Amino acid sequence: MRNVTVSLNDDIYRRARVEAAERDLSLSAFVRVLLEDAMRSDADFRRRKRLQDETLASITSFDAGSRLSRDDVHRR
């Protein structure tokens, strides 16, 4: 595991220490959790964006004018 030095202003440092203590974590562990969550969220966003792009690229033709009428959709 690597060590990283981070500079924070006094207010952010105090607030982060309090938040970490409320979660029963050290400040280092709290920062690690925040970074892991951010990286996981970013990876998930990129995966979803890639899936969206692939889905949109797979739609070769679409004509909104050829949709079923409301009556046809609800006909039983």
PDB file of N, CA and C in Angstrom:
ATOM      1  N   MET A   1       0.855  -1.169   0.000  1.00  0.00           N
ATOM      2  CA  MET A   1       0.000   0.000   0.000  1.00  0.00           C
ATOM      3  C   MET A   1       0.906   1.238   0.000  1.00  0.00           C
ATOM      4  N   ARG A   2       0.533   2.248  -0.742  1.00  0.00           N
ATOM      5  CA  ARG A   2       1.300   3.481  -0.848  1.00  0.00           C
ATOM      6  C   ARG A   2       0.795   4.524   0.129  1.00  0.00           C
ATOM      7  N   ASN A   3       1.697   5.372   0.586  1.00  0.00           N
ATOM      8  CA  ASN A   3       1.334   6.518   1.414  1.00  0.00           C
ATOM      9  C   ASN A   3       1.272   7.755   0.536  1.00  0.00           C
ATOM     10  N   VAL A   4       0.312   8.608   0.797  1.00  0.00           N
ATOM     11  CA  VAL A   4       0.126   9.840   0.040  1.00  0.00           C
ATOM     12  C   VAL A   4      -0.037  10.982   1.027  1.00  0.00           C
ATOM     13  N   THR A   5       0.595  12.096   0.718  1.00  0.00           N
ATOM     14  CA  THR A   5       0.424  13.287   1.547  1.00  0.00           C
ATOM     15  C   THR A   5      -0.577  14.208   0.864  1.00  0.00           C
ATOM     16  N   VAL A   6      -1.558  14.658   1.615  1.00  0.00           N
ATOM     17  CA  VAL A   6      -2.596  15.536   1.077  1.00  0.00           C
ATOM     18  C   VAL A   6      -2.642  16.790   1.938  1.00  0.00           C
ATOM     19  N   SER A   7      -2.708  17.938   1.290  1.00  0.00           N
ATOM     20  CA  SER A   7      -2.828  19.204   2.023  1.00  0.00           C
ATOM     21  C   SER A   7      -4.285  19.650   2.016  1.00  0.00           C
ATOM     22  N   LEU A   8      -4.771  19.998   3.198  1.00  0.00           N
ATOM     23  CA  LEU A   8      -6.153  20.452   3.349  1.00  0.00           C
ATOM     24  C   LEU A   8      -6.153  21.747   4.148  1.00  0.00           C
ATOM     25  N   ASN A   9      -7.137  22.599   3.860  1.00  0.00           N
ATOM     26  CA  ASN A   9      -7.240  23.783   4.718  1.00  0.00           C
ATOM     27  C   ASN A   9      -7.782  23.338   6.078  1.00  0.00           C
ATOM     28  N   ASP A  10      -7.605  24.177   7.075  1.00  0.00           N
ATOM     29  CA  ASP A  10      -7.933  23.800   8.453  1.00  0.00           C
ATOM     30  C   ASP A  10      -9.392  23.389   8.631  1.00  0.00           C
ATOM     31  N   ASP A  11     -10.312  24.109   7.993  1.00  0.00           N
ATOM     32  CA  ASP A  11     -11.730  23.804   8.148  1.00  0.00           C
ATOM     33  C   ASP A  11     -12.061  22.419   7.586  1.00  0.00           C
ATOM     34  N   ILE A  12     -11.586  22.125   6.391  1.00  0.00           N
ATOM     35  CA  ILE A  12     -11.846  20.817   5.778  1.00  0.00           C
ATOM     36  C   ILE A  12     -11.209  19.713   6.617  1.00  0.00           C
ATOM     37  N   TYR A  13     -10.000  19.952   7.113  1.00  0.00           N
ATOM     38  CA  TYR A  13      -9.321  18.960   7.950  1.00  0.00           C
ATOM     39  C   TYR A  13     -10.153  18.636   9.188  1.00  0.00           C
ATOM     40  N   ARG A  14     -10.615  19.664   9.884  1.00  0.00           N
ATOM     41  CA  ARG A  14     -11.417  19.445  11.092  1.00  0.00           C
ATOM     42  C   ARG A  14     -12.709  18.707  10.774  1.00  0.00           C
ATOM     43  N   ARG A  15     -13.391  19.137   9.732  1.00  0.00           N
ATOM     44  CA  ARG A  15     -14.650  18.484   9.367  1.00  0.00           C
ATOM     45  C   ARG A  15     -14.431  17.031   8.958  1.00  0.00           C
ATOM     46  N   ALA A  16     -13.347  16.762   8.246  1.00  0.00           N
ATOM     47  CA  ALA A  16     -13.036  15.387   7.832  1.00  0.00           C
ATOM     48  C   ALA A  16     -12.705  14.520   9.044  1.00  0.00           C
ATOM     49  N   ARG A  17     -11.970  15.076  10.009  1.00  0.00           N
ATOM     50  CA  ARG A  17     -11.648  14.332  11.230  1.00  0.00           C
ATOM     51  C   ARG A  17     -12.931  13.967  11.994  1.00  0.00           C
ATOM     52  N   VAL A  18     -13.846  14.911  12.083  1.00  0.00           N
ATOM     53  CA  VAL A  18     -15.111  14.658  12.780  1.00  0.00           C
ATOM     54  C   VAL A  18     -15.902  13.585  12.041  1.00  0.00           C
ATOM     55  N   GLU A  19     -16.009  13.719  10.729  1.00  0.00           N
ATOM     56  CA  GLU A  19     -16.764  12.735   9.935  1.00  0.00           C
ATOM     57  C   GLU A  19     -16.132  11.347  10.063  1.00  0.00           C
ATOM     58  N   ALA A  20     -14.822  11.272  10.001  1.00  0.00           N
ATOM     59  CA  ALA A  20     -14.124   9.990  10.154  1.00  0.00           C
ATOM     60  C   ALA A  20     -14.413   9.395  11.529  1.00  0.00           C
ATOM     61  N   ALA A  21     -14.340  10.218  12.576  1.00  0.00           N
ATOM     62  CA  ALA A  21     -14.592   9.732  13.935  1.00  0.00           C
ATOM     63  C   ALA A  21     -16.022   9.219  14.075  1.00  0.00           C
ATOM     64  N   GLU A  22     -16.974   9.917  13.470  1.00  0.00           N
ATOM     65  CA  GLU A  22     -18.368   9.475  13.534  1.00  0.00           C
ATOM     66  C   GLU A  22     -18.565   8.123  12.854  1.00  0.00           C
ATOM     67  N   ARG A  23     -17.710   7.822  11.890  1.00  0.00           N
ATOM     68  CA  ARG A  23     -17.778   6.527  11.193  1.00  0.00           C
ATOM     69  C   ARG A  23     -16.828   5.504  11.819  1.00  0.00           C
ATOM     70  N   ASP A  24     -16.213   5.890  12.919  1.00  0.00           N
ATOM     71  CA  ASP A  24     -15.265   5.026  13.616  1.00  0.00           C
ATOM     72  C   ASP A  24     -14.099   4.627  12.708  1.00  0.00           C
ATOM     73  N   LEU A  25     -13.589   5.611  11.951  1.00  0.00           N
ATOM     74  CA  LEU A  25     -12.465   5.411  11.040  1.00  0.00           C
ATOM     75  C   LEU A  25     -11.361   6.417  11.355  1.00  0.00           C
ATOM     76  N   SER A  26     -10.154   6.048  10.994  1.00  0.00           N
ATOM     77  CA  SER A  26      -9.081   7.035  11.025  1.00  0.00           C
ATOM     78  C   SER A  26      -9.283   7.965   9.836  1.00  0.00           C
ATOM     79  N   LEU A  27      -8.619   9.095   9.866  1.00  0.00           N
ATOM     80  CA  LEU A  27      -8.724  10.011   8.726  1.00  0.00           C
ATOM     81  C   LEU A  27      -8.196   9.349   7.461  1.00  0.00           C
ATOM     82  N   SER A  28      -7.119   8.601   7.597  1.00  0.00           N
ATOM     83  CA  SER A  28      -6.547   7.895   6.454  1.00  0.00           C
ATOM     84  C   SER A  28      -7.545   6.890   5.870  1.00  0.00           C
ATOM     85  N   ALA A  29      -8.183   6.112   6.725  1.00  0.00           N
ATOM     86  CA  ALA A  29      -9.170   5.135   6.256  1.00  0.00           C
ATOM     87  C   ALA A  29     -10.372   5.835   5.632  1.00  0.00           C
ATOM     88  N   PHE A  30     -10.776   6.952   6.215  1.00  0.00           N
ATOM     89  CA  PHE A  30     -11.910   7.713   5.671  1.00  0.00           C
ATOM     90  C   PHE A  30     -11.602   8.210   4.260  1.00  0.00           C
ATOM     91  N   VAL A  31     -10.411   8.761   4.077  1.00  0.00           N
ATOM     92  CA  VAL A  31     -10.007   9.244   2.743  1.00  0.00           C
ATOM     93  C   VAL A  31      -9.932   8.070   1.766  1.00  0.00           C
ATOM     94  N   ARG A  32      -9.413   6.939   2.219  1.00  0.00           N
ATOM     95  CA  ARG A  32      -9.333   5.751   1.362  1.00  0.00           C
ATOM     96  C   ARG A  32     -10.731   5.323   0.912  1.00  0.00           C
ATOM     97  N   VAL A  33     -11.686   5.300   1.839  1.00  0.00           N
ATOM     98  CA  VAL A  33     -13.070   4.923   1.500  1.00  0.00           C
ATOM     99  C   VAL A  33     -13.651   5.898   0.480  1.00  0.00           C
ATOM    100  N   LEU A  34     -13.433   7.191   0.702  1.00  0.00           N
ATOM    101  CA  LEU A  34     -13.950   8.191  -0.240  1.00  0.00           C
ATOM    102  C   LEU A  34     -13.362   8.000  -1.633  1.00  0.00           C
ATOM    103  N   LEU A  35     -12.061   7.774  -1.708  1.00  0.00           N
ATOM    104  CA  LEU A  35     -11.415   7.591  -3.016  1.00  0.00           C
ATOM    105  C   LEU A  35     -11.874   6.296  -3.687  1.00  0.00           C
ATOM    106  N   GLU A  36     -11.997   5.226  -2.906  1.00  0.00           N
ATOM    107  CA  GLU A  36     -12.470   3.966  -3.487  1.00  0.00           C
ATOM    108  C   GLU A  36     -13.880   4.118  -4.035  1.00  0.00           C
ATOM    109  N   ASP A  37     -14.751   4.783  -3.286  1.00  0.00           N
ATOM    110  CA  ASP A  37     -16.122   5.018  -3.750  1.00  0.00           C
ATOM    111  C   ASP A  37     -16.139   5.861  -5.015  1.00  0.00           C
ATOM    112  N   ALA A  38     -15.297   6.894  -5.051  1.00  0.00           N
ATOM    113  CA  ALA A  38     -15.242   7.770  -6.230  1.00  0.00           C
ATOM    114  C   ALA A  38     -14.756   6.994  -7.449  1.00  0.00           C
ATOM    115  N   MET A  39     -13.750   6.161  -7.284  1.00  0.00           N
ATOM    116  CA  MET A  39     -13.221   5.388  -8.412  1.00  0.00           C
ATOM    117  C   MET A  39     -14.234   4.362  -8.891  1.00  0.00           C
ATOM    118  N   ARG A  40     -14.934   3.735  -7.948  1.00  0.00           N
ATOM    119  CA  ARG A  40     -15.954   2.754  -8.305  1.00  0.00           C
ATOM    120  C   ARG A  40     -17.094   3.438  -9.060  1.00  0.00           C
ATOM    121  N   SER A  41     -17.523   4.602  -8.586  1.00  0.00           N
ATOM    122  CA  SER A  41     -18.605   5.339  -9.251  1.00  0.00           C
ATOM    123  C   SER A  41     -18.191   5.767 -10.646  1.00  0.00           C
ATOM    124  N   ASP A  42     -16.947   6.229 -10.783  1.00  0.00           N
ATOM    125  CA  ASP A  42     -16.448   6.660 -12.085  1.00  0.00           C
ATOM    126  C   ASP A  42     -16.390   5.488 -13.051  1.00  0.00           C
ATOM    127  N   ALA A  43     -15.921   4.332 -12.574  1.00  0.00           N
ATOM    128  CA  ALA A  43     -15.853   3.142 -13.419  1.00  0.00           C
ATOM    129  C   ALA A  43     -17.247   2.706 -13.839  1.00  0.00           C
ATOM    130  N   ASP A  44     -18.209   2.761 -12.915  1.00  0.00           N
ATOM    131  CA  ASP A  44     -19.580   2.381 -13.226  1.00  0.00           C
ATOM    132  C   ASP A  44     -20.187   3.338 -14.250  1.00  0.00           C
ATOM    133  N   PHE A  45     -19.909   4.651 -14.093  1.00  0.00           N
ATOM    134  CA  PHE A  45     -20.409   5.629 -15.060  1.00  0.00           C
ATOM    135  C   PHE A  45     -19.851   5.339 -16.451  1.00  0.00           C
ATOM    136  N   ARG A  46     -18.534   5.087 -16.538  1.00  0.00           N
ATOM    137  CA  ARG A  46     -17.928   4.810 -17.847  1.00  0.00           C
ATOM    138  C   ARG A  46     -18.505   3.543 -18.464  1.00  0.00           C
ATOM    139  N   ARG A  47     -18.754   2.499 -17.641  1.00  0.00           N
ATOM    140  CA  ARG A  47     -19.338   1.263 -18.153  1.00  0.00           C
ATOM    141  C   ARG A  47     -20.740   1.517 -18.693  1.00  0.00           C
ATOM    142  N   ARG A  48     -21.539   2.269 -17.943  1.00  0.00           N
ATOM    143  CA  ARG A  48     -22.905   2.578 -18.396  1.00  0.00           C
ATOM    144  C   ARG A  48     -22.893   3.453 -19.650  1.00  0.00           C
ATOM    145  N   LYS A  49     -21.969   4.390 -19.716  1.00  0.00           N
ATOM    146  CA  LYS A  49     -21.852   5.257 -20.902  1.00  0.00           C
ATOM    147  C   LYS A  49     -21.478   4.421 -22.120  1.00  0.00           C
ATOM    148  N   ARG A  50     -20.547   3.475 -21.949  1.00  0.00           N
ATOM    149  CA  ARG A  50     -20.143   2.603 -23.052  1.00  0.00           C
ATOM    150  C   ARG A  50     -21.329   1.759 -23.516  1.00  0.00           C
ATOM    151  N   LEU A  51     -22.100   1.192 -22.572  1.00  0.00           N
ATOM    152  CA  LEU A  51     -23.273   0.400 -22.939  1.00  0.00           C
ATOM    153  C   LEU A  51     -24.309   1.242 -23.671  1.00  0.00           C
ATOM    154  N   GLN A  52     -24.499   2.476 -23.218  1.00  0.00           N
ATOM    155  CA  GLN A  52     -25.441   3.373 -23.888  1.00  0.00           C
ATOM    156  C   GLN A  52     -24.976   3.650 -25.312  1.00  0.00           C
ATOM    157  N   ASP A  53     -23.691   3.954 -25.467  1.00  0.00           N
ATOM    158  CA  ASP A  53     -23.163   4.236 -26.812  1.00  0.00           C
ATOM    159  C   ASP A  53     -23.306   3.026 -27.728  1.00  0.00           C
ATOM    160  N   GLU A  54     -23.036   1.822 -27.191  1.00  0.00           N
ATOM    161  CA  GLU A  54     -23.177   0.608 -27.996  1.00  0.00           C
ATOM    162  C   GLU A  54     -24.634   0.386 -28.388  1.00  0.00           C
ATOM    163  N   THR A  55     -25.538   0.609 -27.460  1.00  0.00           N
ATOM    164  CA  THR A  55     -26.964   0.420 -27.750  1.00  0.00           C
ATOM    165  C   THR A  55     -27.434   1.397 -28.817  1.00  0.00           C
ATOM    166  N   LEU A  56     -27.058   2.661 -28.657  1.00  0.00           N
ATOM    167  CA  LEU A  56     -27.468   3.659 -29.648  1.00  0.00           C
ATOM    168  C   LEU A  56     -26.862   3.368 -31.012  1.00  0.00           C
ATOM    169  N   ALA A  57     -25.625   2.886 -31.038  1.00  0.00           N
ATOM    170  CA  ALA A  57     -24.979   2.560 -32.307  1.00  0.00           C
ATOM    171  C   ALA A  57     -25.632   1.359 -32.976  1.00  0.00           C
ATOM    172  N   SER A  58     -26.233   0.464 -32.192  1.00  0.00           N
ATOM    173  CA  SER A  58     -26.861  -0.731 -32.764  1.00  0.00           C
ATOM    174  C   SER A  58     -28.230  -0.430 -33.386  1.00  0.00           C
ATOM    175  N   ILE A  59     -28.797   0.719 -33.089  1.00  0.00           N
ATOM    176  CA  ILE A  59     -30.086   1.090 -33.672  1.00  0.00           C
ATOM    177  C   ILE A  59     -29.807   1.665 -35.058  1.00  0.00           C
ATOM    178  N   THR A  60     -30.127   0.867 -36.074  1.00  0.00           N
ATOM    179  CA  THR A  60     -29.784   1.283 -37.436  1.00  0.00           C
ATOM    180  C   THR A  60     -30.881   2.101 -38.098  1.00  0.00           C
ATOM    181  N   SER A  61     -32.110   1.837 -37.718  1.00  0.00           N
ATOM    182  CA  SER A  61     -33.186   2.641 -38.299  1.00  0.00           C
ATOM    183  C   SER A  61     -34.322   2.761 -37.301  1.00  0.00           C
ATOM    184  N   PHE A  62     -34.914   3.919 -37.295  1.00  0.00           N
ATOM    185  CA  PHE A  62     -36.034   4.171 -36.394  1.00  0.00           C
ATOM    186  C   PHE A  62     -36.917   5.209 -37.065  1.00  0.00           C
ATOM    187  N   ASP A  63     -38.190   4.899 -37.168  1.00  0.00           N
ATOM    188  CA  ASP A  63     -39.134   5.825 -37.771  1.00  0.00           C
ATOM    189  C   ASP A  63     -40.287   6.016 -36.796  1.00  0.00           C
ATOM    190  N   ALA A  64     -40.325   7.143 -36.148  1.00  0.00           N
ATOM    191  CA  ALA A  64     -41.364   7.412 -35.159  1.00  0.00           C
ATOM    192  C   ALA A  64     -42.746   7.437 -35.788  1.00  0.00           C
ATOM    193  N   GLY A  65     -42.824   7.688 -37.078  1.00  0.00           N
ATOM    194  CA  GLY A  65     -44.109   7.748 -37.752  1.00  0.00           C
ATOM    195  C   GLY A  65     -44.766   6.390 -37.922  1.00  0.00           C
ATOM    196  N   SER A  66     -44.009   5.314 -37.803  1.00  0.00           N
ATOM    197  CA  SER A  66     -44.578   3.977 -38.023  1.00  0.00           C
ATOM    198  C   SER A  66     -44.973   3.292 -36.722  1.00  0.00           C
ATOM    199  N   ARG A  67     -45.132   4.058 -35.666  1.00  0.00           N
ATOM    200  CA  ARG A  67     -45.536   3.476 -34.389  1.00  0.00           C
ATOM    201  C   ARG A  67     -46.995   3.059 -34.426  1.00  0.00           C
ATOM    202  N   LEU A  68     -47.346   2.164 -33.506  1.00  0.00           N
ATOM    203  CA  LEU A  68     -48.738   1.747 -33.381  1.00  0.00           C
ATOM    204  C   LEU A  68     -49.551   2.908 -32.815  1.00  0.00           C
ATOM    205  N   SER A  69     -50.802   2.953 -33.207  1.00  0.00           N
ATOM    206  CA  SER A  69     -51.687   3.971 -32.635  1.00  0.00           C
ATOM    207  C   SER A  69     -52.011   3.590 -31.199  1.00  0.00           C
ATOM    208  N   ARG A  70     -52.533   4.537 -30.462  1.00  0.00           N
ATOM    209  CA  ARG A  70     -52.895   4.288 -29.064  1.00  0.00           C
ATOM    210  C   ARG A  70     -53.946   3.178 -28.982  1.00  0.00           C
ATOM    211  N   ASP A  71     -54.934   3.205 -29.899  1.00  0.00           N
ATOM    212  CA  ASP A  71     -55.965   2.170 -29.921  1.00  0.00           C
ATOM    213  C   ASP A  71     -55.386   0.797 -30.199  1.00  0.00           C
ATOM    214  N   ASP A  72     -54.427   0.711 -31.143  1.00  0.00           N
ATOM    215  CA  ASP A  72     -53.800  -0.568 -31.467  1.00  0.00           C
ATOM    216  C   ASP A  72     -52.993  -1.108 -30.283  1.00  0.00           C
ATOM    217  N   VAL A  73     -52.346  -0.228 -29.560  1.00  0.00           N
ATOM    218  CA  VAL A  73     -51.553  -0.647 -28.407  1.00  0.00           C
ATOM    219  C   VAL A  73     -52.446  -1.228 -27.326  1.00  0.00           C
ATOM    220  N   HIS A  74     -53.606  -0.634 -27.123  1.00  0.00           N
ATOM    221  CA  HIS A  74     -54.487  -1.044 -26.032  1.00  0.00           C
ATOM    222  C   HIS A  74     -55.592  -2.006 -26.460  1.00  0.00           C
ATOM    223  N   ARG A  75     -55.600  -2.394 -27.713  1.00  0.00           N
ATOM    224  CA  ARG A  75     -56.615  -3.346 -28.190  1.00  0.00           C
ATOM    225  C   ARG A  75     -56.310  -4.712 -27.593  1.00  0.00           C
ATOM    226  N   ARG A  76     -57.336  -5.392 -27.108  1.00  0.00           N
ATOM    227  CA  ARG A  76     -57.139  -6.715 -26.490  1.00  0.00           C
ATOM    228  C   ARG A  76     -57.823  -7.758 -27.292  1.00  0.00           C
TER     229      ARG A  76
END
